[in-house]
Amino acid sequence: MHRPTRQHEHLTLKVTQKQERSAQSSRKPGRKHKRWSKFLAQYAPLVAGAETAASAES
């Protein structure tokens, strides 16, 4: 996956915004929220691996 840290940060932001909007309108999160949450779970190990590799280089 290309640039997992950036993608993980972006998805985290999108999920939190979606949760806020659904809480304001008293609606369930929906399909996109479920899909983004699934991607967040997939990106988590890649981000952890990228962070450890970056700290090992410096």
C-alpha atoms as a PDB file:
ATOM      1  CA  MET A   1       0.000   0.000   0.000  1.00  0.00           C
ATOM      2  CA  HIS A   2       1.270   3.401  -0.907  1.00  0.00           C
ATOM      3  CA  ARG A   3       2.116   5.843   1.923  1.00  0.00           C
ATOM      4  CA  PRO A   4       0.303   3.991   4.716  1.00  0.00           C
ATOM      5  CA  THR A   5       0.920   6.627   7.413  1.00  0.00           C
ATOM      6  CA  ARG A   6      -0.635   9.410   5.374  1.00  0.00           C
ATOM      7  CA  GLN A   7      -3.540   7.210   4.347  1.00  0.00           C
ATOM      8  CA  HIS A   8      -4.127   6.124   7.949  1.00  0.00           C
ATOM      9  CA  GLU A   9      -4.179   9.744   9.164  1.00  0.00           C
ATOM     10  CA  HIS A  10      -6.561  10.737   6.380  1.00  0.00           C
ATOM     11  CA  LEU A  11      -8.943   7.855   7.087  1.00  0.00           C
ATOM     12  CA  THR A  12      -8.868   8.588  10.814  1.00  0.00           C
ATOM     13  CA  LEU A  13      -9.894  12.162  10.105  1.00  0.00           C
ATOM     14  CA  LYS A  14     -12.682  11.068   7.754  1.00  0.00           C
ATOM     15  CA  VAL A  15     -14.055   8.536  10.246  1.00  0.00           C
ATOM     16  CA  THR A  16     -14.133  11.057  13.105  1.00  0.00           C
ATOM     17  CA  GLN A  17     -15.875  13.641  10.915  1.00  0.00           C
ATOM     18  CA  LYS A  18     -18.414  11.038   9.816  1.00  0.00           C
ATOM     19  CA  GLN A  19     -19.072  10.017  13.437  1.00  0.00           C
ATOM     20  CA  GLU A  20     -19.626  13.647  14.446  1.00  0.00           C
ATOM     21  CA  ARG A  21     -22.057  14.238  11.586  1.00  0.00           C
ATOM     22  CA  SER A  22     -24.034  11.079  12.278  1.00  0.00           C
ATOM     23  CA  ALA A  23     -24.202  11.942  15.993  1.00  0.00           C
ATOM     24  CA  GLN A  24     -25.573  15.400  15.187  1.00  0.00           C
ATOM     25  CA  SER A  25     -28.291  14.077  12.916  1.00  0.00           C
ATOM     26  CA  SER A  26     -29.095  11.006  15.085  1.00  0.00           C
ATOM     27  CA  ARG A  27     -28.415   8.623  12.225  1.00  0.00           C
ATOM     28  CA  LYS A  28     -26.428   5.425  11.943  1.00  0.00           C
ATOM     29  CA  PRO A  29     -22.938   5.801  10.419  1.00  0.00           C
ATOM     30  CA  GLY A  30     -23.591   3.815   7.223  1.00  0.00           C
ATOM     31  CA  ARG A  31     -21.621   1.947   4.568  1.00  0.00           C
ATOM     32  CA  LYS A  32     -18.742   4.356   4.037  1.00  0.00           C
ATOM     33  CA  HIS A  33     -18.046   4.543   7.756  1.00  0.00           C
ATOM     34  CA  LYS A  34     -17.933   0.746   7.956  1.00  0.00           C
ATOM     35  CA  ARG A  35     -15.646   0.529   4.920  1.00  0.00           C
ATOM     36  CA  TRP A  36     -13.299   3.236   6.217  1.00  0.00           C
ATOM     37  CA  SER A  37     -13.145   1.594   9.645  1.00  0.00           C
ATOM     38  CA  LYS A  38     -12.222  -1.702   8.006  1.00  0.00           C
ATOM     39  CA  PHE A  39      -9.427   0.014   6.060  1.00  0.00           C
ATOM     40  CA  LEU A  40      -8.191   1.645   9.276  1.00  0.00           C
ATOM     41  CA  ALA A  41      -7.833  -1.785  10.840  1.00  0.00           C
ATOM     42  CA  GLN A  42      -5.861  -2.979   7.802  1.00  0.00           C
ATOM     43  CA  TYR A  43      -3.548   0.050   7.772  1.00  0.00           C
ATOM     44  CA  ALA A  44      -2.749  -0.113  11.508  1.00  0.00           C
ATOM     45  CA  PRO A  45       0.005  -2.795  11.265  1.00  0.00           C
ATOM     46  CA  LEU A  46       1.540  -1.085   8.232  1.00  0.00           C
ATOM     47  CA  VAL A  47       1.690   2.239  10.047  1.00  0.00           C
ATOM     48  CA  ALA A  48       3.289   0.614  13.079  1.00  0.00           C
ATOM     49  CA  GLY A  49       5.872  -1.049  10.824  1.00  0.00           C
ATOM     50  CA  ALA A  50       6.584   2.200   8.985  1.00  0.00           C
ATOM     51  CA  GLU A  51       7.073   4.103  12.237  1.00  0.00           C
ATOM     52  CA  THR A  52       9.520   1.536  13.613  1.00  0.00           C
ATOM     53  CA  ALA A  53      11.447   1.537  10.330  1.00  0.00           C
ATOM     54  CA  ALA A  54      11.626   5.335  10.359  1.00  0.00           C
ATOM     55  CA  SER A  55      12.890   5.401  13.931  1.00  0.00           C
ATOM     56  CA  ALA A  56      15.491   2.724  13.126  1.00  0.00           C
ATOM     57  CA  GLU A  57      16.847   4.808  10.222  1.00  0.00           C
ATOM     58  CA  SER A  58      17.440   7.891  12.358  1.00  0.00           C
END
